[in-house]
Amino acid sequence: MSHVTAVSFSPTGGSQKGALSIARELDPNCSFLDLTLQPPAAREPFGPTDLVVFGCPTYAGRLPNLLLNYLNTITGGGAYAIPIVTFGNRAFDNSLAELCSLLETHEFHTIAAAAYSCEHSFSTTLGGGRPDENDLKDAENFALSVFGKMVK
């Protein structure tokens, strides 16, 4: 891998924390692309030497509709992907499978995937304070595990 990029859509910050934690563990000099307020108008396509960590929240078990328009315009160009979804301490249902499938359709190669609990977007008591220190440590350990498998 010549370059690691964290990409997230994260209205409450949980998905961003997870994606950045994993990406920074893999490459402390990783890039970050924030899709939260507005997707970029244009960007260079990813390529086969890129590793992209995608972080997205789960709403009612699915990826946010608002994000699908952007995700349907990206090109992986053979890049490796680590999709992660966050969920408000309830369930992530099909959102992770949906993100993996969408990325594979757009020429990314999924090498690992994860789901993390975070604070619910409608309540500070459901999953309050998550992702916490333990969750972020789990994300870092996950990244180290992925790295270990990549270099074998």
C-alpha atoms as a PDB file:
ATOM      1  CA  MET A   1       0.000   0.000   0.000  1.00  0.00           C
ATOM      2  CA  SER A   2       1.378   3.353  -0.927  1.00  0.00           C
ATOM      3  CA  HIS A   3      -1.414   5.402   0.586  1.00  0.00           C
ATOM      4  CA  VAL A   4      -4.125   5.037   3.252  1.00  0.00           C
ATOM      5  CA  THR A   5      -7.216   7.253   3.243  1.00  0.00           C
ATOM      6  CA  ALA A   6      -9.979   7.455   5.838  1.00  0.00           C
ATOM      7  CA  VAL A   7     -13.340   8.429   4.341  1.00  0.00           C
ATOM      8  CA  SER A   8     -16.336   9.072   6.557  1.00  0.00           C
ATOM      9  CA  PHE A   9     -19.849  10.376   6.695  1.00  0.00           C
ATOM     10  CA  SER A  10     -20.289  11.112  10.377  1.00  0.00           C
ATOM     11  CA  PRO A  11     -22.963  13.561  11.579  1.00  0.00           C
ATOM     12  CA  THR A  12     -22.338  12.719  15.274  1.00  0.00           C
ATOM     13  CA  GLY A  13     -18.606  11.949  14.984  1.00  0.00           C
ATOM     14  CA  GLY A  14     -18.692   8.222  15.826  1.00  0.00           C
ATOM     15  CA  SER A  15     -18.022   6.958  12.300  1.00  0.00           C
ATOM     16  CA  GLN A  16     -15.206   9.466  11.850  1.00  0.00           C
ATOM     17  CA  LYS A  17     -13.517   8.361  15.090  1.00  0.00           C
ATOM     18  CA  GLY A  18     -13.688   4.705  14.051  1.00  0.00           C
ATOM     19  CA  ALA A  19     -12.432   5.240  10.501  1.00  0.00           C
ATOM     20  CA  LEU A  20      -9.601   7.537  11.573  1.00  0.00           C
ATOM     21  CA  SER A  21      -8.549   5.235  14.406  1.00  0.00           C
ATOM     22  CA  ILE A  22      -8.140   2.313  12.010  1.00  0.00           C
ATOM     23  CA  ALA A  23      -6.535   4.363   9.228  1.00  0.00           C
ATOM     24  CA  ARG A  24      -4.047   6.071  11.570  1.00  0.00           C
ATOM     25  CA  GLU A  25      -3.014   2.744  13.034  1.00  0.00           C
ATOM     26  CA  LEU A  26      -2.241   1.527   9.510  1.00  0.00           C
ATOM     27  CA  ASP A  27      -0.550   4.787   8.470  1.00  0.00           C
ATOM     28  CA  PRO A  28      -0.041   7.726  10.854  1.00  0.00           C
ATOM     29  CA  ASN A  29       0.205   9.997   7.780  1.00  0.00           C
ATOM     30  CA  CYS A  30      -3.105   8.892   6.276  1.00  0.00           C
ATOM     31  CA  SER A  31      -5.367  11.292   4.391  1.00  0.00           C
ATOM     32  CA  PHE A  32      -8.884  12.102   5.534  1.00  0.00           C
ATOM     33  CA  LEU A  33     -11.924  12.815   3.371  1.00  0.00           C
ATOM     34  CA  ASP A  34     -14.987  14.071   5.280  1.00  0.00           C
ATOM     35  CA  LEU A  35     -18.279  13.580   3.437  1.00  0.00           C
ATOM     36  CA  THR A  36     -20.447  14.840   6.292  1.00  0.00           C
ATOM     37  CA  LEU A  37     -21.343  18.348   5.189  1.00  0.00           C
ATOM     38  CA  GLN A  38     -20.807  18.040   1.465  1.00  0.00           C
ATOM     39  CA  PRO A  39     -19.298  15.377  -0.751  1.00  0.00           C
ATOM     40  CA  PRO A  40     -16.378  16.642  -2.813  1.00  0.00           C
ATOM     41  CA  ALA A  41     -17.373  17.847  -6.270  1.00  0.00           C
ATOM     42  CA  ALA A  42     -14.607  15.829  -7.882  1.00  0.00           C
ATOM     43  CA  ARG A  43     -11.602  13.830  -6.825  1.00  0.00           C
ATOM     44  CA  GLU A  44      -8.990  11.633  -8.368  1.00  0.00           C
ATOM     45  CA  PRO A  45     -10.063   7.993  -8.482  1.00  0.00           C
ATOM     46  CA  PHE A  46      -8.447   5.574  -6.086  1.00  0.00           C
ATOM     47  CA  GLY A  47      -6.025   2.994  -7.480  1.00  0.00           C
ATOM     48  CA  PRO A  48      -4.546  -0.440  -6.766  1.00  0.00           C
ATOM     49  CA  THR A  49      -1.940   0.884  -4.332  1.00  0.00           C
ATOM     50  CA  ASP A  50      -4.541   2.619  -2.132  1.00  0.00           C
ATOM     51  CA  LEU A  51      -6.189   1.350   1.025  1.00  0.00           C
ATOM     52  CA  VAL A  52      -9.422   3.150   1.922  1.00  0.00           C
ATOM     53  CA  VAL A  53     -11.170   2.898   5.295  1.00  0.00           C
ATOM     54  CA  PHE A  54     -14.844   3.854   4.829  1.00  0.00           C
ATOM     55  CA  GLY A  55     -16.817   4.828   7.938  1.00  0.00           C
ATOM     56  CA  CYS A  56     -20.601   5.230   7.734  1.00  0.00           C
ATOM     57  CA  PRO A  57     -23.426   5.284  10.275  1.00  0.00           C
ATOM     58  CA  THR A  58     -26.406   2.960  10.221  1.00  0.00           C
ATOM     59  CA  TYR A  59     -29.906   4.427  10.116  1.00  0.00           C
ATOM     60  CA  ALA A  60     -32.767   1.955  10.498  1.00  0.00           C
ATOM     61  CA  GLY A  61     -30.407  -0.845   9.508  1.00  0.00           C
ATOM     62  CA  ARG A  62     -29.293   0.750   6.254  1.00  0.00           C
ATOM     63  CA  LEU A  63     -26.724   3.215   4.926  1.00  0.00           C
ATOM     64  CA  PRO A  64     -27.962   6.817   4.832  1.00  0.00           C
ATOM     65  CA  ASN A  65     -29.786   7.525   1.529  1.00  0.00           C
ATOM     66  CA  LEU A  66     -28.039  10.882   1.393  1.00  0.00           C
ATOM     67  CA  LEU A  67     -24.678   9.136   1.087  1.00  0.00           C
ATOM     68  CA  LEU A  68     -25.639   6.702  -1.681  1.00  0.00           C
ATOM     69  CA  ASN A  69     -25.493   9.337  -4.426  1.00  0.00           C
ATOM     70  CA  TYR A  70     -21.826  10.016  -3.652  1.00  0.00           C
ATOM     71  CA  LEU A  71     -20.875   6.377  -3.123  1.00  0.00           C
ATOM     72  CA  ASN A  72     -22.331   5.537  -6.528  1.00  0.00           C
ATOM     73  CA  THR A  73     -19.887   7.965  -8.184  1.00  0.00           C
ATOM     74  CA  ILE A  74     -16.592   6.775  -6.693  1.00  0.00           C
ATOM     75  CA  THR A  75     -14.157   4.524  -8.497  1.00  0.00           C
ATOM     76  CA  GLY A  76     -11.960   2.135  -6.589  1.00  0.00           C
ATOM     77  CA  GLY A  77      -9.674   1.270  -9.487  1.00  0.00           C
ATOM     78  CA  GLY A  78      -8.608  -1.878  -7.656  1.00  0.00           C
ATOM     79  CA  ALA A  79      -8.025  -0.171  -4.288  1.00  0.00           C
ATOM     80  CA  TYR A  80      -8.364  -2.177  -1.105  1.00  0.00           C
ATOM     81  CA  ALA A  81     -11.195  -1.248   1.245  1.00  0.00           C
ATOM     82  CA  ILE A  82     -12.025  -1.675   4.900  1.00  0.00           C
ATOM     83  CA  PRO A  83     -15.697  -0.753   5.293  1.00  0.00           C
ATOM     84  CA  ILE A  84     -16.902   0.000   8.806  1.00  0.00           C
ATOM     85  CA  VAL A  85     -20.347   0.936  10.009  1.00  0.00           C
ATOM     86  CA  THR A  86     -21.401   2.384  13.310  1.00  0.00           C
ATOM     87  CA  PHE A  87     -24.743   1.882  14.973  1.00  0.00           C
ATOM     88  CA  GLY A  88     -26.507   3.500  17.918  1.00  0.00           C
ATOM     89  CA  ASN A  89     -26.130   0.556  20.285  1.00  0.00           C
ATOM     90  CA  ARG A  90     -29.089  -1.269  18.689  1.00  0.00           C
ATOM     91  CA  ALA A  91     -28.183  -3.262  15.550  1.00  0.00           C
ATOM     92  CA  PHE A  92     -26.482  -2.646  12.239  1.00  0.00           C
ATOM     93  CA  ASP A  93     -28.750  -5.052  10.317  1.00  0.00           C
ATOM     94  CA  ASN A  94     -27.746  -5.023   6.599  1.00  0.00           C
ATOM     95  CA  SER A  95     -25.733  -1.797   6.549  1.00  0.00           C
ATOM     96  CA  LEU A  96     -22.310  -3.479   6.597  1.00  0.00           C
ATOM     97  CA  ALA A  97     -23.229  -5.949   3.846  1.00  0.00           C
ATOM     98  CA  GLU A  98     -24.710  -3.046   1.870  1.00  0.00           C
ATOM     99  CA  LEU A  99     -21.506  -0.990   2.158  1.00  0.00           C
ATOM    100  CA  CYS A 100     -19.291  -3.966   1.235  1.00  0.00           C
ATOM    101  CA  SER A 101     -21.435  -4.731  -1.812  1.00  0.00           C
ATOM    102  CA  LEU A 102     -21.506  -1.114  -2.936  1.00  0.00           C
ATOM    103  CA  LEU A 103     -17.725  -0.792  -2.697  1.00  0.00           C
ATOM    104  CA  GLU A 104     -17.145  -4.079  -4.540  1.00  0.00           C
ATOM    105  CA  THR A 105     -19.477  -2.869  -7.311  1.00  0.00           C
ATOM    106  CA  HIS A 106     -17.258   0.199  -7.695  1.00  0.00           C
ATOM    107  CA  GLU A 107     -13.960  -1.692  -8.082  1.00  0.00           C
ATOM    108  CA  PHE A 108     -12.812  -1.867  -4.458  1.00  0.00           C
ATOM    109  CA  HIS A 109     -11.517  -5.102  -2.934  1.00  0.00           C
ATOM    110  CA  THR A 110     -12.802  -5.599   0.603  1.00  0.00           C
ATOM    111  CA  ILE A 111     -10.083  -7.092   2.797  1.00  0.00           C
ATOM    112  CA  ALA A 112     -11.828  -6.739   6.174  1.00  0.00           C
ATOM    113  CA  ALA A 113     -14.967  -5.152   7.606  1.00  0.00           C
ATOM    114  CA  ALA A 114     -16.243  -4.166  11.035  1.00  0.00           C
ATOM    115  CA  ALA A 115     -19.223  -2.744  12.900  1.00  0.00           C
ATOM    116  CA  TYR A 116     -18.887  -0.592  16.032  1.00  0.00           C
ATOM    117  CA  SER A 117     -21.398   0.618  18.561  1.00  0.00           C
ATOM    118  CA  CYS A 118     -21.554   4.354  19.138  1.00  0.00           C
ATOM    119  CA  GLU A 119     -23.835   6.884  20.745  1.00  0.00           C
ATOM    120  CA  HIS A 120     -27.299   6.858  19.181  1.00  0.00           C
ATOM    121  CA  SER A 121     -27.994   9.939  17.084  1.00  0.00           C
ATOM    122  CA  PHE A 122     -31.340  10.552  18.833  1.00  0.00           C
ATOM    123  CA  SER A 123     -30.291   9.899  22.435  1.00  0.00           C
ATOM    124  CA  THR A 124     -27.238  10.412  24.598  1.00  0.00           C
ATOM    125  CA  THR A 125     -28.252   7.515  26.870  1.00  0.00           C
ATOM    126  CA  LEU A 126     -28.218   4.782  24.182  1.00  0.00           C
ATOM    127  CA  GLY A 127     -24.542   3.977  23.796  1.00  0.00           C
ATOM    128  CA  GLY A 128     -23.660   7.185  25.625  1.00  0.00           C
ATOM    129  CA  GLY A 129     -20.033   8.201  25.251  1.00  0.00           C
ATOM    130  CA  ARG A 130     -19.275   5.572  22.621  1.00  0.00           C
ATOM    131  CA  PRO A 131     -17.029   5.017  20.889  1.00  0.00           C
ATOM    132  CA  ASP A 132     -15.079   5.117  24.127  1.00  0.00           C
ATOM    133  CA  GLU A 133     -11.438   4.389  24.863  1.00  0.00           C
ATOM    134  CA  ASN A 134     -12.042   0.615  24.817  1.00  0.00           C
ATOM    135  CA  ASP A 135     -13.884   0.808  21.474  1.00  0.00           C
ATOM    136  CA  LEU A 136     -11.053   2.801  19.907  1.00  0.00           C
ATOM    137  CA  LYS A 137      -8.507   0.328  21.291  1.00  0.00           C
ATOM    138  CA  ASP A 138     -10.562  -2.474  19.684  1.00  0.00           C
ATOM    139  CA  ALA A 139     -10.439  -0.556  16.378  1.00  0.00           C
ATOM    140  CA  GLU A 140      -6.665  -0.210  16.659  1.00  0.00           C
ATOM    141  CA  ASN A 141      -6.310  -3.935  17.416  1.00  0.00           C
ATOM    142  CA  PHE A 142      -8.518  -4.686  14.433  1.00  0.00           C
ATOM    143  CA  ALA A 143      -6.244  -2.558  12.253  1.00  0.00           C
ATOM    144  CA  LEU A 144      -3.152  -4.378  13.541  1.00  0.00           C
ATOM    145  CA  SER A 145      -4.827  -7.699  12.772  1.00  0.00           C
ATOM    146  CA  VAL A 146      -5.622  -6.549   9.226  1.00  0.00           C
ATOM    147  CA  PHE A 147      -2.052  -5.332   8.776  1.00  0.00           C
ATOM    148  CA  GLY A 148      -0.705  -8.647  10.022  1.00  0.00           C
ATOM    149  CA  LYS A 149      -2.729 -10.539   7.431  1.00  0.00           C
ATOM    150  CA  MET A 150      -1.686  -8.166   4.651  1.00  0.00           C
ATOM    151  CA  VAL A 151       2.039  -8.617   5.205  1.00  0.00           C
ATOM    152  CA  LYS A 152       1.922 -12.434   5.363  1.00  0.00           C
END
